[in-house]
Amino acid sequence: MKARLKRKSFFVDETDLKRLRHELGAATDAEAVREAIREVGRMRSLWRFMQRSGGSLPKGSFSEP
């Protein structure tokens, strides 16, 4: 699926961006920001799921990567 991209202009702390690029292994600043946005969405979804499930999962319902 091709992403719909929209140009944005905002201020970003250079130290945070450098650390983010390193942590994500991103080649560019833009790639790092896009991946960070996706990661936050995945984390929030997992957090909501964990809240709904009472913080416990049945054995075998989750596999390690």
N, C-alpha and C. Protein backbone atom coordinates (compact mmCIF):
# COMPACT_ATOMS: atom_id res chain seq x y z
N MET A 1 0.85 -1.17 0.00
CA MET A 1 0.00 0.00 0.00
C MET A 1 0.89 1.24 0.00
N LYS A 2 0.63 2.14 -0.91
CA LYS A 2 1.44 3.35 -1.02
C LYS A 2 0.95 4.40 -0.03
N ALA A 3 1.89 4.99 0.70
CA ALA A 3 1.54 5.99 1.71
C ALA A 3 1.18 7.32 1.05
N ARG A 4 0.19 7.99 1.61
CA ARG A 4 -0.13 9.35 1.18
C ARG A 4 0.70 10.28 2.04
N LEU A 5 1.56 11.03 1.43
CA LEU A 5 2.44 11.93 2.17
C LEU A 5 1.97 13.36 2.01
N LYS A 6 2.14 14.13 3.07
CA LYS A 6 1.79 15.54 3.06
C LYS A 6 2.96 16.31 3.64
N ARG A 7 3.36 17.36 2.97
CA ARG A 7 4.48 18.17 3.43
C ARG A 7 4.09 18.96 4.67
N LYS A 8 4.96 18.92 5.68
CA LYS A 8 4.75 19.65 6.93
C LYS A 8 6.03 20.41 7.26
N SER A 9 5.85 21.48 7.99
CA SER A 9 7.00 22.26 8.45
C SER A 9 6.84 22.50 9.94
N PHE A 10 7.84 22.03 10.72
CA PHE A 10 7.80 22.20 12.16
C PHE A 10 9.21 22.14 12.72
N PHE A 11 9.34 22.54 13.96
CA PHE A 11 10.63 22.55 14.62
C PHE A 11 10.84 21.25 15.38
N VAL A 12 12.05 20.70 15.28
CA VAL A 12 12.39 19.44 15.94
C VAL A 12 13.75 19.60 16.62
N ASP A 13 13.87 19.08 17.83
CA ASP A 13 15.13 19.11 18.53
C ASP A 13 16.12 18.21 17.79
N GLU A 14 17.25 18.76 17.36
CA GLU A 14 18.24 18.03 16.57
C GLU A 14 18.81 16.83 17.31
N THR A 15 19.01 16.96 18.62
CA THR A 15 19.55 15.85 19.41
C THR A 15 18.55 14.69 19.44
N ASP A 16 17.29 15.00 19.66
CA ASP A 16 16.26 13.97 19.67
C ASP A 16 16.15 13.29 18.30
N LEU A 17 16.20 14.07 17.25
CA LEU A 17 16.09 13.52 15.90
C LEU A 17 17.28 12.61 15.58
N LYS A 18 18.47 13.02 15.98
CA LYS A 18 19.67 12.21 15.75
C LYS A 18 19.56 10.88 16.49
N ARG A 19 19.10 10.93 17.75
CA ARG A 19 18.93 9.72 18.54
C ARG A 19 17.86 8.82 17.91
N LEU A 20 16.77 9.42 17.45
CA LEU A 20 15.69 8.69 16.81
C LEU A 20 16.19 7.98 15.55
N ARG A 21 16.94 8.68 14.72
CA ARG A 21 17.48 8.07 13.51
C ARG A 21 18.36 6.88 13.84
N HIS A 22 19.18 7.04 14.87
CA HIS A 22 20.07 5.95 15.29
C HIS A 22 19.26 4.76 15.80
N GLU A 23 18.30 5.00 16.68
CA GLU A 23 17.48 3.93 17.27
C GLU A 23 16.69 3.17 16.22
N LEU A 24 16.17 3.88 15.23
CA LEU A 24 15.33 3.25 14.21
C LEU A 24 16.14 2.75 13.01
N GLY A 25 17.40 3.16 12.94
CA GLY A 25 18.21 2.78 11.79
C GLY A 25 17.75 3.44 10.51
N ALA A 26 17.19 4.63 10.65
CA ALA A 26 16.64 5.36 9.50
C ALA A 26 17.76 6.07 8.72
N ALA A 27 17.63 6.08 7.41
CA ALA A 27 18.62 6.72 6.56
C ALA A 27 18.45 8.24 6.51
N THR A 28 17.22 8.71 6.69
CA THR A 28 16.95 10.14 6.60
C THR A 28 16.11 10.60 7.78
N ASP A 29 16.09 11.91 7.98
CA ASP A 29 15.25 12.48 9.04
C ASP A 29 13.77 12.17 8.77
N ALA A 30 13.36 12.35 7.52
CA ALA A 30 11.96 12.12 7.16
C ALA A 30 11.55 10.67 7.42
N GLU A 31 12.42 9.74 7.07
CA GLU A 31 12.14 8.33 7.30
C GLU A 31 11.99 8.05 8.80
N ALA A 32 12.85 8.66 9.60
CA ALA A 32 12.80 8.48 11.06
C ALA A 32 11.49 9.01 11.63
N VAL A 33 11.07 10.17 11.18
CA VAL A 33 9.82 10.77 11.68
C VAL A 33 8.63 9.91 11.28
N ARG A 34 8.58 9.47 10.02
CA ARG A 34 7.46 8.62 9.57
C ARG A 34 7.41 7.32 10.35
N GLU A 35 8.55 6.68 10.57
CA GLU A 35 8.58 5.42 11.31
C GLU A 35 8.19 5.64 12.77
N ALA A 36 8.63 6.74 13.36
CA ALA A 36 8.27 7.04 14.75
C ALA A 36 6.77 7.23 14.90
N ILE A 37 6.15 7.89 13.93
CA ILE A 37 4.69 8.09 13.97
C ILE A 37 3.98 6.74 13.90
N ARG A 38 4.44 5.86 13.00
CA ARG A 38 3.83 4.52 12.90
C ARG A 38 4.03 3.74 14.20
N GLU A 39 5.23 3.83 14.78
CA GLU A 39 5.53 3.10 16.01
C GLU A 39 4.67 3.56 17.17
N VAL A 40 4.45 4.86 17.29
CA VAL A 40 3.59 5.37 18.36
C VAL A 40 2.18 4.83 18.18
N GLY A 41 1.69 4.77 16.96
CA GLY A 41 0.37 4.22 16.70
C GLY A 41 0.28 2.76 17.11
N ARG A 42 1.31 1.97 16.77
CA ARG A 42 1.32 0.55 17.16
C ARG A 42 1.38 0.40 18.67
N MET A 43 2.18 1.21 19.34
CA MET A 43 2.30 1.13 20.79
C MET A 43 0.98 1.48 21.46
N ARG A 44 0.32 2.53 20.98
CA ARG A 44 -0.98 2.93 21.55
C ARG A 44 -2.02 1.83 21.37
N SER A 45 -2.02 1.19 20.20
CA SER A 45 -2.96 0.09 19.95
C SER A 45 -2.70 -1.06 20.90
N LEU A 46 -1.43 -1.40 21.09
CA LEU A 46 -1.08 -2.48 22.02
C LEU A 46 -1.48 -2.12 23.45
N TRP A 47 -1.24 -0.87 23.84
CA TRP A 47 -1.60 -0.43 25.18
C TRP A 47 -3.11 -0.55 25.42
N ARG A 48 -3.92 -0.12 24.44
CA ARG A 48 -5.37 -0.23 24.57
C ARG A 48 -5.79 -1.70 24.66
N PHE A 49 -5.16 -2.56 23.85
CA PHE A 49 -5.47 -3.98 23.90
C PHE A 49 -5.14 -4.55 25.27
N MET A 50 -3.99 -4.18 25.82
CA MET A 50 -3.59 -4.69 27.13
C MET A 50 -4.55 -4.21 28.21
N GLN A 51 -5.02 -2.98 28.12
CA GLN A 51 -5.99 -2.48 29.09
C GLN A 51 -7.29 -3.27 29.01
N ARG A 52 -7.76 -3.54 27.79
CA ARG A 52 -9.00 -4.29 27.62
C ARG A 52 -8.87 -5.73 28.10
N SER A 53 -7.68 -6.31 27.94
CA SER A 53 -7.50 -7.72 28.31
C SER A 53 -7.11 -7.88 29.78
N GLY A 54 -7.08 -6.79 30.52
CA GLY A 54 -6.73 -6.86 31.94
C GLY A 54 -5.26 -7.09 32.18
N GLY A 55 -4.45 -6.87 31.16
CA GLY A 55 -3.00 -7.00 31.31
C GLY A 55 -2.49 -8.43 31.28
N SER A 56 -3.37 -9.38 30.97
CA SER A 56 -2.91 -10.77 30.90
C SER A 56 -3.39 -11.38 29.60
N LEU A 57 -2.58 -12.23 29.04
CA LEU A 57 -2.91 -12.90 27.78
C LEU A 57 -2.92 -14.40 28.01
N PRO A 58 -3.84 -15.11 27.38
CA PRO A 58 -3.84 -16.55 27.48
C PRO A 58 -2.56 -17.12 26.86
N LYS A 59 -2.05 -18.19 27.43
CA LYS A 59 -0.83 -18.82 26.93
C LYS A 59 -1.00 -19.16 25.45
N GLY A 60 0.00 -18.82 24.65
CA GLY A 60 -0.03 -19.12 23.22
C GLY A 60 -0.71 -18.07 22.36
N SER A 61 -1.25 -17.00 22.97
CA SER A 61 -1.95 -16.00 22.18
C SER A 61 -1.01 -14.94 21.63
N PHE A 62 0.26 -15.02 22.02
CA PHE A 62 1.23 -14.03 21.60
C PHE A 62 2.53 -14.74 21.29
N SER A 63 3.12 -14.45 20.13
CA SER A 63 4.41 -15.07 19.79
C SER A 63 5.48 -14.01 19.72
N GLU A 64 6.66 -14.37 20.16
CA GLU A 64 7.80 -13.44 20.12
C GLU A 64 8.29 -13.31 18.70
N PRO A 65 8.77 -12.14 18.33
CA PRO A 65 9.28 -11.95 16.96
C PRO A 65 10.57 -12.72 16.74
